[in-house]
């Protein structure tokens, strides 16, 4: 039997975590599991999600609004104003500390300053979203029926070290309608396996359990390219489809 071990968790490696019910995240995080997570739906979502998630903001005005509503925030410095009072630059950006070791983006459960990052640059153009295609194979496996559905309470027990570590690398934790438009969406978690070769190789986050909120009815690449990713991202201004030059 594989011994129990604690794991840190990344909510929303793709997709907005607020599109999954609070009750699911509560079961996954419980009272002790640490992790990172961000939402652009902080004005309208279940406000209890501020326990686990950071409000994702892009301006000083939004930052002040989020704080007034009781959120900690993660600000992309699109205004080029640098760190504000009560902010620190993301430690991964300033000191190369992986999210797995930092864990400051853990919502109000983590008493810490707010976080600032620079807009992301890729090549000669400036990108503003971490979208990549590395999870297409995971969606294909799920679509083919090769990803087991596991109760989120059981997954939460794995991550908190209350039961032997999952023998699965990838699992379905929840499926249901998107609160944005009713489209069927699914929450898939990967990197649960205790084998280092089957854990996340993300250089920024380290070997955290990664979660993806995806449409059930189409490839995530098609969703991103056609703007149908609204079902899992809402009208986030950082989406690739919102940043295509006319």
Foldseek 3Di string as FASTA:
>chain_A
DFAFDAFAAEQPPDFANLQDDPVLVCLQCPPHHFYAHEHCCCVPGDVVCLQFAAYEEADPVVCVVQVVVPHAHEYAPPVPPPDDPQEDEDCCVVPVDACRVVRCRGGPNRPGGHYYYYFDDDPPDTARDPDDCPCLVVLVCVLVVNAEEDASNVNNCRNHRVGRFDQDFKHWHDWFAGPQPGFIKTKMKGLRHPDPVGFDPPSRHPRHTYIHIGGNPDGRVCCLVVVVCCSRRPVDCNRPVNPDDD
